[in-house]
């Protein structure tokens, strides 16, 4: 039962998220998702984990456009990223 291990936090993650607590971050916001990447990285425990990144883009841009946003943010925060 996931209720024992998952705690959904409702609201703007930039205001309510805790730091260094998550193994996974599920990014459910679909407009300008890249703006929320700094918060997602800060939520990850021990600077590592999985970010489920969601984005809207044309089919021909998959996965390059979204991956570029994630890689840029990862570099800025001295993190590694992979698809």
N, C-alpha and C. Protein backbone atom coordinates (compact mmCIF):
# COMPACT_ATOMS: atom_id res chain seq x y z
N UNK A 1 0.84 -1.17 0.00
CA UNK A 1 0.00 0.00 0.00
C UNK A 1 0.90 1.24 0.00
N UNK A 2 0.76 2.10 -0.99
CA UNK A 2 1.62 3.27 -1.11
C UNK A 2 1.33 4.35 -0.07
N UNK A 3 0.20 4.28 0.59
CA UNK A 3 -0.13 5.28 1.61
C UNK A 3 0.91 5.30 2.73
N UNK A 4 1.58 4.18 2.91
CA UNK A 4 2.59 4.07 3.97
C UNK A 4 3.91 4.72 3.58
N UNK A 5 4.17 4.88 2.27
CA UNK A 5 5.49 5.37 1.84
C UNK A 5 5.44 6.63 0.98
N UNK A 6 4.25 7.09 0.60
CA UNK A 6 4.12 8.27 -0.25
C UNK A 6 3.35 9.35 0.51
N UNK A 7 3.90 10.54 0.50
CA UNK A 7 3.21 11.66 1.12
C UNK A 7 3.03 12.76 0.09
N UNK A 8 1.82 12.89 -0.48
CA UNK A 8 1.61 13.97 -1.45
C UNK A 8 1.57 15.32 -0.73
N UNK A 9 2.22 16.29 -1.33
CA UNK A 9 2.20 17.65 -0.80
C UNK A 9 1.50 18.52 -1.83
N UNK A 10 0.42 19.13 -1.46
CA UNK A 10 -0.37 19.92 -2.39
C UNK A 10 -0.04 21.39 -2.24
N UNK A 11 0.16 22.05 -3.37
CA UNK A 11 0.48 23.46 -3.37
C UNK A 11 1.67 23.74 -4.25
N UNK A 12 2.11 24.95 -4.26
CA UNK A 12 3.28 25.35 -5.05
C UNK A 12 4.51 24.77 -4.37
N UNK A 13 5.20 23.89 -5.07
CA UNK A 13 6.34 23.19 -4.45
C UNK A 13 7.45 24.15 -4.04
N UNK A 14 7.52 25.29 -4.66
CA UNK A 14 8.55 26.26 -4.28
C UNK A 14 8.30 26.83 -2.89
N UNK A 15 7.06 26.72 -2.42
CA UNK A 15 6.70 27.24 -1.11
C UNK A 15 6.63 26.17 -0.03
N UNK A 16 6.26 24.95 -0.39
CA UNK A 16 5.98 23.94 0.64
C UNK A 16 6.95 22.77 0.69
N UNK A 17 7.81 22.62 -0.29
CA UNK A 17 8.68 21.45 -0.35
C UNK A 17 9.76 21.48 0.71
N UNK A 18 10.04 20.29 1.20
CA UNK A 18 11.14 20.12 2.15
C UNK A 18 12.39 19.77 1.37
N UNK A 19 13.54 19.98 1.97
CA UNK A 19 14.81 19.67 1.30
C UNK A 19 15.36 18.35 1.81
N UNK A 20 16.04 17.64 0.90
CA UNK A 20 16.77 16.42 1.25
C UNK A 20 15.88 15.35 1.88
N UNK A 21 14.72 15.10 1.28
CA UNK A 21 13.78 14.14 1.87
C UNK A 21 13.28 13.06 0.91
N UNK A 22 13.44 13.25 -0.39
CA UNK A 22 12.76 12.38 -1.35
C UNK A 22 13.71 11.49 -2.14
N UNK A 23 13.26 10.26 -2.39
CA UNK A 23 13.95 9.37 -3.31
C UNK A 23 13.50 9.65 -4.74
N UNK A 24 12.25 10.08 -4.87
CA UNK A 24 11.65 10.39 -6.17
C UNK A 24 10.84 11.68 -6.05
N UNK A 25 10.87 12.45 -7.13
CA UNK A 25 10.04 13.65 -7.22
C UNK A 25 9.21 13.51 -8.49
N UNK A 26 7.91 13.59 -8.35
CA UNK A 26 7.01 13.50 -9.50
C UNK A 26 6.55 14.91 -9.82
N UNK A 27 6.96 15.38 -10.99
CA UNK A 27 6.63 16.74 -11.39
C UNK A 27 5.36 16.69 -12.24
N UNK A 28 4.25 17.07 -11.66
CA UNK A 28 2.98 16.97 -12.35
C UNK A 28 2.54 18.23 -13.07
N UNK A 29 3.26 19.31 -12.89
CA UNK A 29 2.91 20.57 -13.53
C UNK A 29 3.40 20.54 -14.97
N UNK A 30 2.59 20.93 -15.92
CA UNK A 30 2.95 20.74 -17.33
C UNK A 30 3.25 22.02 -18.09
N UNK A 31 3.23 23.15 -17.47
CA UNK A 31 3.53 24.38 -18.19
C UNK A 31 4.77 25.01 -17.56
N UNK A 32 5.79 25.24 -18.35
CA UNK A 32 7.05 25.79 -17.85
C UNK A 32 7.65 24.92 -16.74
N UNK A 33 7.59 23.62 -16.92
CA UNK A 33 8.05 22.67 -15.91
C UNK A 33 9.48 22.94 -15.47
N UNK A 34 10.31 23.36 -16.40
CA UNK A 34 11.73 23.59 -16.11
C UNK A 34 11.93 24.59 -14.97
N UNK A 35 10.98 25.48 -14.76
CA UNK A 35 11.11 26.47 -13.69
C UNK A 35 11.08 25.85 -12.29
N UNK A 36 10.57 24.64 -12.21
CA UNK A 36 10.44 23.97 -10.92
C UNK A 36 11.57 22.97 -10.67
N UNK A 37 12.48 22.82 -11.61
CA UNK A 37 13.59 21.88 -11.44
C UNK A 37 14.50 22.19 -10.24
N UNK A 38 14.83 23.44 -9.96
CA UNK A 38 15.66 23.69 -8.77
C UNK A 38 15.04 23.11 -7.50
N UNK A 39 13.75 23.28 -7.33
CA UNK A 39 13.08 22.73 -6.15
C UNK A 39 13.12 21.21 -6.18
N UNK A 40 12.91 20.61 -7.34
CA UNK A 40 12.95 19.15 -7.44
C UNK A 40 14.32 18.62 -7.05
N UNK A 41 15.38 19.23 -7.54
CA UNK A 41 16.73 18.79 -7.18
C UNK A 41 16.97 18.93 -5.67
N UNK A 42 16.51 20.02 -5.09
CA UNK A 42 16.72 20.25 -3.66
C UNK A 42 15.95 19.26 -2.78
N UNK A 43 14.87 18.70 -3.30
CA UNK A 43 14.08 17.74 -2.53
C UNK A 43 14.76 16.37 -2.43
N UNK A 44 15.61 16.05 -3.39
CA UNK A 44 16.22 14.72 -3.44
C UNK A 44 17.16 14.48 -2.27
N UNK A 45 17.04 13.28 -1.70
CA UNK A 45 17.87 12.87 -0.57
C UNK A 45 19.30 12.63 -1.02
N UNK A 46 20.23 13.14 -0.26
CA UNK A 46 21.65 12.90 -0.50
C UNK A 46 22.08 13.24 -1.93
N UNK A 47 21.43 14.27 -2.50
CA UNK A 47 21.77 14.76 -3.84
C UNK A 47 21.57 13.73 -4.94
N UNK A 48 20.76 12.72 -4.69
CA UNK A 48 20.54 11.70 -5.71
C UNK A 48 19.09 11.22 -5.66
N UNK A 49 18.61 10.69 -6.76
CA UNK A 49 17.25 10.18 -6.82
C UNK A 49 16.70 10.29 -8.23
N UNK A 50 15.42 10.12 -8.35
CA UNK A 50 14.76 10.13 -9.65
C UNK A 50 13.76 11.27 -9.70
N UNK A 51 13.84 12.04 -10.77
CA UNK A 51 12.85 13.09 -11.03
C UNK A 51 12.02 12.64 -12.23
N UNK A 52 10.72 12.53 -12.02
CA UNK A 52 9.80 12.21 -13.11
C UNK A 52 9.37 13.55 -13.71
N UNK A 53 10.00 13.88 -14.82
CA UNK A 53 9.83 15.19 -15.44
C UNK A 53 8.78 15.10 -16.54
N UNK A 54 7.76 15.93 -16.46
CA UNK A 54 6.70 15.97 -17.46
C UNK A 54 6.76 17.31 -18.17
N UNK A 55 6.49 17.29 -19.48
CA UNK A 55 6.57 18.52 -20.25
C UNK A 55 5.71 18.38 -21.50
N UNK A 56 5.28 19.49 -22.04
CA UNK A 56 4.61 19.52 -23.34
C UNK A 56 5.62 19.96 -24.38
N UNK A 57 5.67 19.25 -25.49
CA UNK A 57 6.52 19.68 -26.61
C UNK A 57 6.08 18.92 -27.86
N UNK A 58 6.44 19.43 -29.02
CA UNK A 58 6.10 18.74 -30.26
C UNK A 58 6.77 17.36 -30.31
N UNK A 59 6.12 16.42 -30.97
CA UNK A 59 6.66 15.06 -31.07
C UNK A 59 8.10 15.03 -31.55
N UNK A 60 8.42 15.87 -32.53
CA UNK A 60 9.76 15.83 -33.10
C UNK A 60 10.83 16.35 -32.12
N UNK A 61 10.40 16.96 -31.03
CA UNK A 61 11.34 17.48 -30.02
C UNK A 61 11.61 16.49 -28.89
N UNK A 62 10.89 15.36 -28.89
CA UNK A 62 11.05 14.35 -27.83
C UNK A 62 12.26 13.49 -28.14
N UNK A 63 13.15 13.21 -27.22
CA UNK A 63 13.23 13.71 -25.85
C UNK A 63 14.17 14.90 -25.71
N UNK A 64 14.75 15.35 -26.80
CA UNK A 64 15.85 16.33 -26.74
C UNK A 64 15.51 17.62 -26.00
N UNK A 65 14.37 18.19 -26.28
CA UNK A 65 14.04 19.49 -25.66
C UNK A 65 13.94 19.37 -24.15
N UNK A 66 13.17 18.43 -23.68
CA UNK A 66 13.00 18.25 -22.23
C UNK A 66 14.30 17.86 -21.56
N UNK A 67 15.04 16.97 -22.19
CA UNK A 67 16.30 16.52 -21.62
C UNK A 67 17.28 17.68 -21.50
N UNK A 68 17.25 18.58 -22.46
CA UNK A 68 18.13 19.75 -22.42
C UNK A 68 17.85 20.61 -21.18
N UNK A 69 16.57 20.82 -20.85
CA UNK A 69 16.20 21.58 -19.66
C UNK A 69 16.73 20.90 -18.40
N UNK A 70 16.55 19.60 -18.31
CA UNK A 70 16.98 18.86 -17.13
C UNK A 70 18.50 18.88 -17.00
N UNK A 71 19.20 18.66 -18.11
CA UNK A 71 20.66 18.65 -18.07
C UNK A 71 21.23 20.02 -17.68
N UNK A 72 20.61 21.08 -18.17
CA UNK A 72 21.07 22.43 -17.83
C UNK A 72 20.90 22.70 -16.34
N UNK A 73 19.75 22.33 -15.80
CA UNK A 73 19.51 22.52 -14.37
C UNK A 73 20.43 21.64 -13.54
N UNK A 74 20.65 20.40 -13.97
CA UNK A 74 21.53 19.49 -13.24
C UNK A 74 22.95 20.05 -13.18
N UNK A 75 23.41 20.57 -14.28
CA UNK A 75 24.77 21.14 -14.32
C UNK A 75 24.87 22.33 -13.37
N UNK A 76 23.85 23.18 -13.36
CA UNK A 76 23.85 24.36 -12.50
C UNK A 76 23.93 23.97 -11.03
N UNK A 77 23.32 22.85 -10.67
CA UNK A 77 23.32 22.39 -9.27
C UNK A 77 24.32 21.28 -9.02
N UNK A 78 25.29 21.15 -9.93
CA UNK A 78 26.37 20.18 -9.78
C UNK A 78 25.84 18.77 -9.58
N UNK A 79 24.87 18.41 -10.40
CA UNK A 79 24.27 17.08 -10.35
C UNK A 79 24.45 16.42 -11.71
N UNK A 80 24.29 15.12 -11.77
CA UNK A 80 24.33 14.38 -13.01
C UNK A 80 22.89 14.06 -13.41
N UNK A 81 22.67 13.91 -14.70
CA UNK A 81 21.34 13.52 -15.16
C UNK A 81 21.48 12.54 -16.32
N UNK A 82 20.49 11.69 -16.43
CA UNK A 82 20.44 10.76 -17.56
C UNK A 82 18.98 10.43 -17.84
N UNK A 83 18.76 10.03 -19.06
CA UNK A 83 17.40 9.69 -19.49
C UNK A 83 17.16 8.23 -19.23
